[in-house]
Amino acid sequence: MFHRNFLIASVVGLCIPLTLSVLSFAASKPSLSTPSFQWINHGSWGIEGHIKPIASPAVFKGNKFNPPIAITLEHPYYYTVQGTATNGIYEYSYQISVNPHGVVVTVPIGYDPTTHQELIESGIPTPQSLSKIQKPSGGNGIYTPKVTGTASIQSSAPDPTTSNAYFTSGWTDPLGLTVGQLYTYMTFSWNGTDVTNWSTYGYLWHIEDGDYFYNTSNGGYWNNNTEATGWLKTIEDAPAFGNTKIQWSANNIHGHGNGSVTATLDTWAYGPDAWMLEGPWYALNDGSTN
C-alpha cells in the first residue's frame, strides 16, 4: 500500500500527517540516499523536509502525470520528496509554511516506483485559479454546523486582530474533474499571544452521484488558548468508480495566537477503482485580516 504523509504548517512548524493509498508494492530500500533536511524560503511561503529542488519536471526520471486539478501557479517550484518505509508503507513527509495573508497550493505530479520518490509542484495560485478552488461548480454541498469559542483567560496584549482562513483538499477523476472536496473554515481573533475567540464550520462538496456516509465537525482550544482548531472528517462514496470510497479522517485548520494558520490533512482512497482517482491536492489560505 502506498501512503503519502504530508506536513502542512505555518511558521510555528506544526507537524501534520496526510496519508493516501493508491498503489501496492513491497517496501524496499530506496536506491538513492535520503536528501538532507533543509528549509527553503520563498518569501510569503516556505518548504522544509527531506526534499530536493529541481529545475523542472523534465529532469525527473520517474512517471509523470498531469496535475490532479487544472490550476495555474504564478511561480511554480518543483521538489522531489524521498519516501521512507514504515511497516511496508512508504511515507512522504515535508512541511509547507504560509505567512499571514498568504496562500499556497501543492499538487503531486510524479512518482518513481524504483527510488520511491514523489514529485510535487508548489506555489502561489493565480487569482483565477484561486477562485476555482474557493467554490467548485455543480454537484452537491453540505454545510456543517458552526461552532464557536471564547478564551476564559487572556494575556495582557494589544487589541486582537481578526483573520478569516480556510483549508481545502480534493480528489479528481482521470479527466481532471473534481470528485470530492472538503473545506474547513475558521474566523479567529488573535493578539500576538492568544486566540481570544474563534468560530469554525465545514463544507463538503461531492459529485451528484456521491454520498457521504457520515461527517463530524467540531472545534476547541489547545495549548493554553494559544491555538484554536476546527476539525472535519467524512467518508465519501464514489459509485462512479466501482463503489470506491474516499476517506478524510482529518481536514483540520488551526489558528494560532501569532496570526499564523496551519492545517492537518489525513485522506486516502480505497476500493476496486481507487487507482483511477488522482490526488489529493490541497490549498491553505490565511485569508483576509480585519
C-alpha atoms as a PDB file:
ATOM      1  CA  MET A   1       0.000   0.000   0.000  1.00  0.00           C
ATOM      2  CA  PHE A   2       1.296   3.440  -0.956  1.00  0.00           C
ATOM      3  CA  HIS A   3       0.859   6.239   1.552  1.00  0.00           C
ATOM      4  CA  ARG A   4       1.764   9.881   1.311  1.00  0.00           C
ATOM      5  CA  ASN A   5       2.385  11.692   4.552  1.00  0.00           C
ATOM      6  CA  PHE A   6       2.376  15.455   4.101  1.00  0.00           C
ATOM      7  CA  LEU A   7       3.046  18.077   6.717  1.00  0.00           C
ATOM      8  CA  ILE A   8       1.416  21.438   6.151  1.00  0.00           C
ATOM      9  CA  ALA A   9       2.375  24.177   8.542  1.00  0.00           C
ATOM     10  CA  SER A  10       2.856  27.862   9.184  1.00  0.00           C
ATOM     11  CA  VAL A  11       5.908  29.372  10.789  1.00  0.00           C
ATOM     12  CA  VAL A  12       5.096  27.671  14.072  1.00  0.00           C
ATOM     13  CA  GLY A  13       6.060  24.348  12.490  1.00  0.00           C
ATOM     14  CA  LEU A  14       3.095  22.101  13.243  1.00  0.00           C
ATOM     15  CA  CYS A  15       3.532  18.521  12.068  1.00  0.00           C
ATOM     16  CA  ILE A  16       0.596  17.247  10.042  1.00  0.00           C
ATOM     17  CA  PRO A  17       0.030  13.723   8.724  1.00  0.00           C
ATOM     18  CA  LEU A  18      -1.576  13.158   5.343  1.00  0.00           C
ATOM     19  CA  THR A  19      -1.976   9.633   4.011  1.00  0.00           C
ATOM     20  CA  LEU A  20      -3.066   8.346   0.647  1.00  0.00           C
ATOM     21  CA  SER A  21      -3.355   4.759  -0.529  1.00  0.00           C
ATOM     22  CA  VAL A  22      -3.385   4.231  -4.288  1.00  0.00           C
ATOM     23  CA  LEU A  23      -0.690   1.773  -5.322  1.00  0.00           C
ATOM     24  CA  SER A  24       0.530  -1.558  -3.968  1.00  0.00           C
ATOM     25  CA  PHE A  25       4.133  -2.711  -3.782  1.00  0.00           C
ATOM     26  CA  ALA A  26       6.551  -4.308  -1.341  1.00  0.00           C
ATOM     27  CA  ALA A  27       8.716  -1.976   0.684  1.00  0.00           C
ATOM     28  CA  SER A  28      12.392  -1.944  -0.214  1.00  0.00           C
ATOM     29  CA  LYS A  29      15.353   0.291   0.461  1.00  0.00           C
ATOM     30  CA  PRO A  30      15.461   3.280  -1.909  1.00  0.00           C
ATOM     31  CA  SER A  31      18.369   3.187  -4.319  1.00  0.00           C
ATOM     32  CA  LEU A  32      19.171   6.854  -3.663  1.00  0.00           C
ATOM     33  CA  SER A  33      20.370   8.346  -0.413  1.00  0.00           C
ATOM     34  CA  THR A  34      17.867  10.425   1.522  1.00  0.00           C
ATOM     35  CA  PRO A  35      18.237  14.170   0.805  1.00  0.00           C
ATOM     36  CA  SER A  36      19.428  16.269   3.715  1.00  0.00           C
ATOM     37  CA  PHE A  37      16.837  18.093   5.803  1.00  0.00           C
ATOM     38  CA  GLN A  38      16.602  21.682   4.653  1.00  0.00           C
ATOM     39  CA  TRP A  39      14.430  24.784   4.775  1.00  0.00           C
ATOM     40  CA  ILE A  40      13.816  26.785   1.590  1.00  0.00           C
ATOM     41  CA  ASN A  41      12.211  30.208   1.875  1.00  0.00           C
ATOM     42  CA  HIS A  42      10.139  31.634  -0.985  1.00  0.00           C
ATOM     43  CA  GLY A  43       9.161  34.850   0.763  1.00  0.00           C
ATOM     44  CA  SER A  44       5.469  34.532   1.550  1.00  0.00           C
ATOM     45  CA  TRP A  45       5.773  30.777   1.975  1.00  0.00           C
ATOM     46  CA  GLY A  46       8.422  28.133   2.505  1.00  0.00           C
ATOM     47  CA  ILE A  47       9.026  24.398   2.476  1.00  0.00           C
ATOM     48  CA  GLU A  48      11.198  22.159   4.622  1.00  0.00           C
ATOM     49  CA  GLY A  49      11.985  18.488   4.974  1.00  0.00           C
ATOM     50  CA  HIS A  50      13.998  15.808   3.203  1.00  0.00           C
ATOM     51  CA  ILE A  51      13.415  17.458  -0.147  1.00  0.00           C
ATOM     52  CA  LYS A  52      15.452  18.314  -3.211  1.00  0.00           C
ATOM     53  CA  PRO A  53      14.575  21.212  -5.526  1.00  0.00           C
ATOM     54  CA  ILE A  54      14.700  20.504  -9.251  1.00  0.00           C
ATOM     55  CA  ALA A  55      14.607  22.922 -12.170  1.00  0.00           C
ATOM     56  CA  SER A  56      11.648  21.367 -13.978  1.00  0.00           C
ATOM     57  CA  PRO A  57       9.633  18.135 -14.181  1.00  0.00           C
ATOM     58  CA  ALA A  58      11.618  17.232 -17.303  1.00  0.00           C
ATOM     59  CA  VAL A  59      14.616  16.156 -15.212  1.00  0.00           C
ATOM     60  CA  PHE A  60      12.526  13.813 -13.052  1.00  0.00           C
ATOM     61  CA  LYS A  61      13.198  10.204 -14.100  1.00  0.00           C
ATOM     62  CA  GLY A  62      10.019   8.683 -12.694  1.00  0.00           C
ATOM     63  CA  ASN A  63       6.481   8.555 -14.019  1.00  0.00           C
ATOM     64  CA  LYS A  64       4.983  11.996 -14.578  1.00  0.00           C
ATOM     65  CA  PHE A  65       1.296  12.797 -14.798  1.00  0.00           C
ATOM     66  CA  ASN A  66      -0.864  15.853 -15.192  1.00  0.00           C
ATOM     67  CA  PRO A  67      -1.749  17.732 -12.001  1.00  0.00           C
ATOM     68  CA  PRO A  68      -4.948  16.344 -10.473  1.00  0.00           C
ATOM     69  CA  ILE A  69      -6.527  19.790 -10.751  1.00  0.00           C
ATOM     70  CA  ALA A  70      -6.243  22.319 -13.578  1.00  0.00           C
ATOM     71  CA  ILE A  71      -4.585  25.152 -11.711  1.00  0.00           C
ATOM     72  CA  THR A  72      -2.012  27.769 -12.661  1.00  0.00           C
ATOM     73  CA  LEU A  73       0.699  28.848 -10.242  1.00  0.00           C
ATOM     74  CA  GLU A  74       2.330  32.250 -10.627  1.00  0.00           C
ATOM     75  CA  HIS A  75       5.834  30.924  -9.945  1.00  0.00           C
ATOM     76  CA  PRO A  76       5.768  27.122  -9.592  1.00  0.00           C
ATOM     77  CA  TYR A  77       8.538  25.312  -7.761  1.00  0.00           C
ATOM     78  CA  TYR A  78       9.305  21.609  -8.059  1.00  0.00           C
ATOM     79  CA  TYR A  79      10.662  19.250  -5.427  1.00  0.00           C
ATOM     80  CA  THR A  80      11.351  15.578  -5.060  1.00  0.00           C
ATOM     81  CA  VAL A  81      10.401  14.067  -1.712  1.00  0.00           C
ATOM     82  CA  GLN A  82      12.149  10.871  -0.662  1.00  0.00           C
ATOM     83  CA  GLY A  83       9.851   8.219   0.770  1.00  0.00           C
ATOM     84  CA  THR A  84      10.721   6.280   3.901  1.00  0.00           C
ATOM     85  CA  ALA A  85       9.337   2.816   4.632  1.00  0.00           C
ATOM     86  CA  THR A  86       7.487   2.070   7.870  1.00  0.00           C
ATOM     87  CA  ASN A  87       5.971  -1.404   8.227  1.00  0.00           C
ATOM     88  CA  GLY A  88       5.948  -1.821   4.467  1.00  0.00           C
ATOM     89  CA  ILE A  89       4.267   1.536   3.806  1.00  0.00           C
ATOM     90  CA  TYR A  90       6.107   4.459   2.234  1.00  0.00           C
ATOM     91  CA  GLU A  91       5.531   7.884   3.722  1.00  0.00           C
ATOM     92  CA  TYR A  92       6.374  11.216   2.117  1.00  0.00           C
ATOM     93  CA  SER A  93       6.793  13.987   4.669  1.00  0.00           C
ATOM     94  CA  TYR A  94       7.523  17.693   4.376  1.00  0.00           C
ATOM     95  CA  GLN A  95       6.354  20.993   5.801  1.00  0.00           C
ATOM     96  CA  ILE A  96       4.882  23.958   3.964  1.00  0.00           C
ATOM     97  CA  SER A  97       4.763  27.349   5.693  1.00  0.00           C
ATOM     98  CA  VAL A  98       2.329  30.131   4.792  1.00  0.00           C
ATOM     99  CA  ASN A  99       2.694  33.652   6.142  1.00  0.00           C
ATOM    100  CA  PRO A 100      -0.355  35.685   7.210  1.00  0.00           C
ATOM    101  CA  HIS A 101      -2.398  36.897   4.210  1.00  0.00           C
ATOM    102  CA  GLY A 102      -0.727  34.221   2.084  1.00  0.00           C
ATOM    103  CA  VAL A 103      -1.920  31.180   0.165  1.00  0.00           C
ATOM    104  CA  VAL A 104      -0.090  28.203  -1.317  1.00  0.00           C
ATOM    105  CA  VAL A 105      -1.238  25.215  -3.367  1.00  0.00           C
ATOM    106  CA  THR A 106       0.549  21.858  -3.622  1.00  0.00           C
ATOM    107  CA  VAL A 107      -0.199  19.061  -6.088  1.00  0.00           C
ATOM    108  CA  PRO A 108       1.518  15.699  -6.770  1.00  0.00           C
ATOM    109  CA  ILE A 109       2.699  15.409 -10.373  1.00  0.00           C
ATOM    110  CA  GLY A 110       5.018  12.400 -10.435  1.00  0.00           C
ATOM    111  CA  TYR A 111       6.198   9.228  -8.755  1.00  0.00           C
ATOM    112  CA  ASP A 112       9.231   6.971  -9.192  1.00  0.00           C
ATOM    113  CA  PRO A 113       8.470   3.368  -8.080  1.00  0.00           C
ATOM    114  CA  THR A 114      12.171   2.462  -8.240  1.00  0.00           C
ATOM    115  CA  THR A 115      13.574   5.148  -5.945  1.00  0.00           C
ATOM    116  CA  HIS A 116      10.293   5.778  -4.068  1.00  0.00           C
ATOM    117  CA  GLN A 117      10.477   9.473  -4.759  1.00  0.00           C
ATOM    118  CA  GLU A 118       7.490  11.733  -5.252  1.00  0.00           C
ATOM    119  CA  LEU A 119       7.465  14.867  -7.395  1.00  0.00           C
ATOM    120  CA  ILE A 120       5.407  17.807  -6.126  1.00  0.00           C
ATOM    121  CA  GLU A 121       4.602  21.237  -7.516  1.00  0.00           C
ATOM    122  CA  SER A 122       4.024  24.118  -5.092  1.00  0.00           C
ATOM    123  CA  GLY A 123       3.395  27.814  -5.396  1.00  0.00           C
ATOM    124  CA  ILE A 124       1.027  30.740  -5.200  1.00  0.00           C
ATOM    125  CA  PRO A 125      -2.055  30.299  -7.407  1.00  0.00           C
ATOM    126  CA  THR A 126      -3.221  32.944  -9.847  1.00  0.00           C
ATOM    127  CA  PRO A 127      -6.393  34.818  -8.816  1.00  0.00           C
ATOM    128  CA  GLN A 128      -8.361  32.889 -11.458  1.00  0.00           C
ATOM    129  CA  SER A 129      -7.125  29.547 -10.139  1.00  0.00           C
ATOM    130  CA  LEU A 130      -7.803  30.564  -6.555  1.00  0.00           C
ATOM    131  CA  SER A 131     -11.405  31.408  -7.430  1.00  0.00           C
ATOM    132  CA  LYS A 132     -11.881  27.859  -8.777  1.00  0.00           C
ATOM    133  CA  ILE A 133     -10.538  26.380  -5.560  1.00  0.00           C
ATOM    134  CA  GLN A 134     -12.743  28.526  -3.379  1.00  0.00           C
ATOM    135  CA  LYS A 135     -16.013  27.105  -4.692  1.00  0.00           C
ATOM    136  CA  PRO A 136     -16.485  24.236  -7.188  1.00  0.00           C
ATOM    137  CA  SER A 137     -19.381  24.418  -9.637  1.00  0.00           C
ATOM    138  CA  GLY A 138     -22.284  21.945  -9.837  1.00  0.00           C
ATOM    139  CA  GLY A 139     -22.515  18.876  -7.637  1.00  0.00           C
ATOM    140  CA  ASN A 140     -23.904  18.841  -4.116  1.00  0.00           C
ATOM    141  CA  GLY A 141     -22.724  20.576  -0.985  1.00  0.00           C
ATOM    142  CA  ILE A 142     -23.283  20.022   2.727  1.00  0.00           C
ATOM    143  CA  TYR A 143     -22.507  22.605   5.418  1.00  0.00           C
ATOM    144  CA  THR A 144     -21.661  21.518   8.936  1.00  0.00           C
ATOM    145  CA  PRO A 145     -22.911  23.481  11.970  1.00  0.00           C
ATOM    146  CA  LYS A 146     -20.836  26.452  13.079  1.00  0.00           C
ATOM    147  CA  VAL A 147     -19.012  26.047  16.402  1.00  0.00           C
ATOM    148  CA  THR A 148     -17.640  28.972  18.433  1.00  0.00           C
ATOM    149  CA  GLY A 149     -15.406  29.510  21.444  1.00  0.00           C
ATOM    150  CA  THR A 150     -14.004  32.280  23.658  1.00  0.00           C
ATOM    151  CA  ALA A 151     -10.926  32.125  25.850  1.00  0.00           C
ATOM    152  CA  SER A 152     -11.744  32.245  29.577  1.00  0.00           C
ATOM    153  CA  ILE A 153      -8.330  33.685  30.486  1.00  0.00           C
ATOM    154  CA  GLN A 154      -6.447  36.011  28.169  1.00  0.00           C
ATOM    155  CA  SER A 155      -2.997  37.530  28.409  1.00  0.00           C
ATOM    156  CA  SER A 156      -2.450  41.283  28.561  1.00  0.00           C
ATOM    157  CA  ALA A 157      -1.745  42.126  24.928  1.00  0.00           C
ATOM    158  CA  PRO A 158      -2.842  44.636  22.276  1.00  0.00           C
ATOM    159  CA  ASP A 159      -6.397  44.610  20.968  1.00  0.00           C
ATOM    160  CA  PRO A 160      -6.960  41.481  18.900  1.00  0.00           C
ATOM    161  CA  THR A 161      -6.927  41.265  15.122  1.00  0.00           C
ATOM    162  CA  THR A 162      -9.453  39.063  13.311  1.00  0.00           C
ATOM    163  CA  SER A 163      -8.442  36.718  10.491  1.00  0.00           C
ATOM    164  CA  ASN A 164     -10.519  34.605   8.110  1.00  0.00           C
ATOM    165  CA  ALA A 165      -8.882  31.438   6.817  1.00  0.00           C
ATOM    166  CA  TYR A 166      -9.692  28.118   5.209  1.00  0.00           C
ATOM    167  CA  PHE A 167      -8.090  24.802   4.335  1.00  0.00           C
ATOM    168  CA  THR A 168      -9.335  22.708   1.419  1.00  0.00           C
ATOM    169  CA  SER A 169      -8.331  19.392  -0.152  1.00  0.00           C
ATOM    170  CA  GLY A 170      -9.766  17.377  -3.003  1.00  0.00           C
ATOM    171  CA  TRP A 171      -9.603  14.390  -5.339  1.00  0.00           C
ATOM    172  CA  THR A 172     -10.180  14.283  -9.095  1.00  0.00           C
ATOM    173  CA  ASP A 173     -11.004  11.715 -11.770  1.00  0.00           C
ATOM    174  CA  PRO A 174      -8.768  10.887 -14.779  1.00  0.00           C
ATOM    175  CA  LEU A 175     -10.362  13.759 -16.735  1.00  0.00           C
ATOM    176  CA  GLY A 176      -9.360  16.276 -14.085  1.00  0.00           C
ATOM    177  CA  LEU A 177     -12.902  16.742 -12.759  1.00  0.00           C
ATOM    178  CA  THR A 178     -13.205  17.106  -9.010  1.00  0.00           C
ATOM    179  CA  VAL A 179     -14.929  14.119  -7.390  1.00  0.00           C
ATOM    180  CA  GLY A 180     -14.875  15.290  -3.780  1.00  0.00           C
ATOM    181  CA  GLN A 181     -13.598  18.351  -1.954  1.00  0.00           C
ATOM    182  CA  LEU A 182     -13.632  19.421   1.692  1.00  0.00           C
ATOM    183  CA  TYR A 183     -13.332  22.889   3.210  1.00  0.00           C
ATOM    184  CA  THR A 184     -12.739  23.803   6.823  1.00  0.00           C
ATOM    185  CA  TYR A 185     -13.230  27.496   7.571  1.00  0.00           C
ATOM    186  CA  MET A 186     -12.096  29.434  10.612  1.00  0.00           C
ATOM    187  CA  THR A 187     -12.504  33.022  11.775  1.00  0.00           C
ATOM    188  CA  PHE A 188     -10.317  33.791  14.773  1.00  0.00           C
ATOM    189  CA  SER A 189      -9.142  36.803  16.760  1.00  0.00           C
ATOM    190  CA  TRP A 190      -5.548  36.898  17.948  1.00  0.00           C
ATOM    191  CA  ASN A 191      -3.430  39.352  19.933  1.00  0.00           C
ATOM    192  CA  GLY A 192       0.095  38.096  19.279  1.00  0.00           C
ATOM    193  CA  THR A 193      -0.062  35.536  22.082  1.00  0.00           C
ATOM    194  CA  ASP A 194      -3.555  34.070  22.426  1.00  0.00           C
ATOM    195  CA  VAL A 195      -6.526  33.247  20.259  1.00  0.00           C
ATOM    196  CA  THR A 196      -9.173  35.281  22.065  1.00  0.00           C
ATOM    197  CA  ASN A 197     -12.187  33.839  20.214  1.00  0.00           C
ATOM    198  CA  TRP A 198     -12.949  31.748  17.160  1.00  0.00           C
ATOM    199  CA  SER A 199     -15.656  30.151  15.015  1.00  0.00           C
ATOM    200  CA  THR A 200     -15.382  27.268  12.574  1.00  0.00           C
ATOM    201  CA  TYR A 201     -17.539  25.246  10.187  1.00  0.00           C
ATOM    202  CA  GLY A 202     -17.088  22.863   7.269  1.00  0.00           C
ATOM    203  CA  TYR A 203     -18.345  22.447   3.719  1.00  0.00           C
ATOM    204  CA  LEU A 204     -18.404  19.049   1.990  1.00  0.00           C
ATOM    205  CA  TRP A 205     -18.756  19.024  -1.789  1.00  0.00           C
ATOM    206  CA  HIS A 206     -19.182  15.938  -3.968  1.00  0.00           C
ATOM    207  CA  ILE A 207     -20.323  14.984  -7.445  1.00  0.00           C
ATOM    208  CA  GLU A 208     -24.035  14.400  -7.840  1.00  0.00           C
ATOM    209  CA  ASP A 209     -23.770  10.608  -7.554  1.00  0.00           C
ATOM    210  CA  GLY A 210     -21.573  10.799  -4.449  1.00  0.00           C
ATOM    211  CA  ASP A 211     -22.903  10.064  -0.975  1.00  0.00           C
ATOM    212  CA  TYR A 212     -21.355  10.886   2.385  1.00  0.00           C
ATOM    213  CA  PHE A 213     -21.756   8.077   4.905  1.00  0.00           C
ATOM    214  CA  TYR A 214     -21.001  10.390   7.817  1.00  0.00           C
ATOM    215  CA  ASN A 215     -19.364  13.651   8.703  1.00  0.00           C
ATOM    216  CA  THR A 216     -18.188  15.005  12.020  1.00  0.00           C
ATOM    217  CA  SER A 217     -17.057  18.534  12.813  1.00  0.00           C
ATOM    218  CA  ASN A 218     -16.164  20.434  15.959  1.00  0.00           C
ATOM    219  CA  GLY A 219     -13.681  22.901  17.382  1.00  0.00           C
ATOM    220  CA  GLY A 220     -11.693  23.628  20.508  1.00  0.00           C
ATOM    221  CA  TYR A 221      -8.801  25.372  22.221  1.00  0.00           C
ATOM    222  CA  TRP A 222      -5.322  23.914  22.575  1.00  0.00           C
ATOM    223  CA  ASN A 223      -2.018  24.838  24.209  1.00  0.00           C
ATOM    224  CA  ASN A 224      -3.358  27.243  26.845  1.00  0.00           C
ATOM    225  CA  ASN A 225      -5.517  29.239  24.419  1.00  0.00           C
ATOM    226  CA  THR A 226      -2.624  29.910  22.031  1.00  0.00           C
ATOM    227  CA  GLU A 227      -4.254  27.747  19.342  1.00  0.00           C
ATOM    228  CA  ALA A 228      -7.815  27.097  18.173  1.00  0.00           C
ATOM    229  CA  THR A 229      -8.665  24.131  15.955  1.00  0.00           C
ATOM    230  CA  GLY A 230     -11.588  23.330  13.709  1.00  0.00           C
ATOM    231  CA  TRP A 231     -11.752  19.709  12.633  1.00  0.00           C
ATOM    232  CA  LEU A 232     -13.737  17.883   9.975  1.00  0.00           C
ATOM    233  CA  LYS A 233     -13.842  14.248   8.886  1.00  0.00           C
ATOM    234  CA  THR A 234     -16.012  12.262   6.494  1.00  0.00           C
ATOM    235  CA  ILE A 235     -16.304   9.283   4.163  1.00  0.00           C
ATOM    236  CA  GLU A 236     -17.500   9.813   0.599  1.00  0.00           C
ATOM    237  CA  ASP A 237     -18.906   7.055  -1.560  1.00  0.00           C
ATOM    238  CA  ALA A 238     -17.825   7.357  -5.204  1.00  0.00           C
ATOM    239  CA  PRO A 239     -20.131   4.873  -7.011  1.00  0.00           C
ATOM    240  CA  ALA A 240     -18.955   6.018 -10.431  1.00  0.00           C
ATOM    241  CA  PHE A 241     -15.635   4.343  -9.577  1.00  0.00           C
ATOM    242  CA  GLY A 242     -16.704   0.833  -8.613  1.00  0.00           C
ATOM    243  CA  ASN A 243     -18.108   1.933  -5.258  1.00  0.00           C
ATOM    244  CA  THR A 244     -14.723   3.314  -4.324  1.00  0.00           C
ATOM    245  CA  LYS A 245     -14.577   5.271  -1.080  1.00  0.00           C
ATOM    246  CA  ILE A 246     -12.685   8.442  -0.250  1.00  0.00           C
ATOM    247  CA  GLN A 247     -11.994   8.941   3.421  1.00  0.00           C
ATOM    248  CA  TRP A 248     -10.870  12.053   5.231  1.00  0.00           C
ATOM    249  CA  SER A 249     -10.034  11.298   8.836  1.00  0.00           C
ATOM    250  CA  ALA A 250      -8.798  14.880   9.194  1.00  0.00           C
ATOM    251  CA  ASN A 251      -9.253  18.066   7.196  1.00  0.00           C
ATOM    252  CA  ASN A 252      -8.433  20.401  10.055  1.00  0.00           C
ATOM    253  CA  ILE A 253      -7.409  24.030  10.376  1.00  0.00           C
ATOM    254  CA  HIS A 254      -5.509  25.628  13.257  1.00  0.00           C
ATOM    255  CA  GLY A 255      -5.436  29.344  14.094  1.00  0.00           C
ATOM    256  CA  HIS A 256      -2.561  30.495  16.289  1.00  0.00           C
ATOM    257  CA  GLY A 257      -2.081  33.389  18.674  1.00  0.00           C
ATOM    258  CA  ASN A 258       0.550  34.945  16.405  1.00  0.00           C
ATOM    259  CA  GLY A 259      -1.904  35.110  13.483  1.00  0.00           C
ATOM    260  CA  SER A 260      -0.497  32.132  11.616  1.00  0.00           C
ATOM    261  CA  VAL A 261      -2.591  29.273  10.266  1.00  0.00           C
ATOM    262  CA  THR A 262      -1.730  25.595   9.944  1.00  0.00           C
ATOM    263  CA  ALA A 263      -3.636  22.545   8.744  1.00  0.00           C
ATOM    264  CA  THR A 264      -3.911  18.812   9.298  1.00  0.00           C
ATOM    265  CA  LEU A 265      -4.777  16.506   6.398  1.00  0.00           C
ATOM    266  CA  ASP A 266      -5.264  12.742   6.520  1.00  0.00           C
ATOM    267  CA  THR A 267      -7.017  11.299   3.458  1.00  0.00           C
ATOM    268  CA  TRP A 268      -6.937   8.226   1.247  1.00  0.00           C
ATOM    269  CA  ALA A 269      -8.995   6.375  -1.380  1.00  0.00           C
ATOM    270  CA  TYR A 270      -9.796   2.658  -1.317  1.00  0.00           C
ATOM    271  CA  GLY A 271     -11.909   0.231  -3.300  1.00  0.00           C
ATOM    272  CA  PRO A 272     -11.845  -1.505  -6.706  1.00  0.00           C
ATOM    273  CA  ASP A 273     -11.154   1.617  -8.766  1.00  0.00           C
ATOM    274  CA  ALA A 274      -9.231   3.754  -6.291  1.00  0.00           C
ATOM    275  CA  TRP A 275      -6.246   3.688  -8.634  1.00  0.00           C
ATOM    276  CA  MET A 276      -8.229   5.839 -11.082  1.00  0.00           C
ATOM    277  CA  LEU A 277      -8.560   8.741  -8.654  1.00  0.00           C
ATOM    278  CA  GLU A 278      -5.845  11.386  -8.574  1.00  0.00           C
ATOM    279  CA  GLY A 279      -4.759  13.456  -5.624  1.00  0.00           C
ATOM    280  CA  PRO A 280      -5.004  14.662  -3.114  1.00  0.00           C
ATOM    281  CA  TRP A 281      -4.264  18.300  -3.821  1.00  0.00           C
ATOM    282  CA  TYR A 282      -4.699  20.965  -1.194  1.00  0.00           C
ATOM    283  CA  ALA A 283      -4.636  24.703  -0.524  1.00  0.00           C
ATOM    284  CA  LEU A 284      -4.029  26.583   2.717  1.00  0.00           C
ATOM    285  CA  ASN A 285      -5.217  30.204   2.746  1.00  0.00           C
ATOM    286  CA  ASP A 286      -4.539  32.523   5.670  1.00  0.00           C
ATOM    287  CA  GLY A 287      -7.244  34.751   4.228  1.00  0.00           C
ATOM    288  CA  SER A 288      -8.108  38.358   4.884  1.00  0.00           C
ATOM    289  CA  THR A 289      -7.496  40.271   8.086  1.00  0.00           C
ATOM    290  CA  ASN A 290      -9.950  42.779   9.551  1.00  0.00           C
END
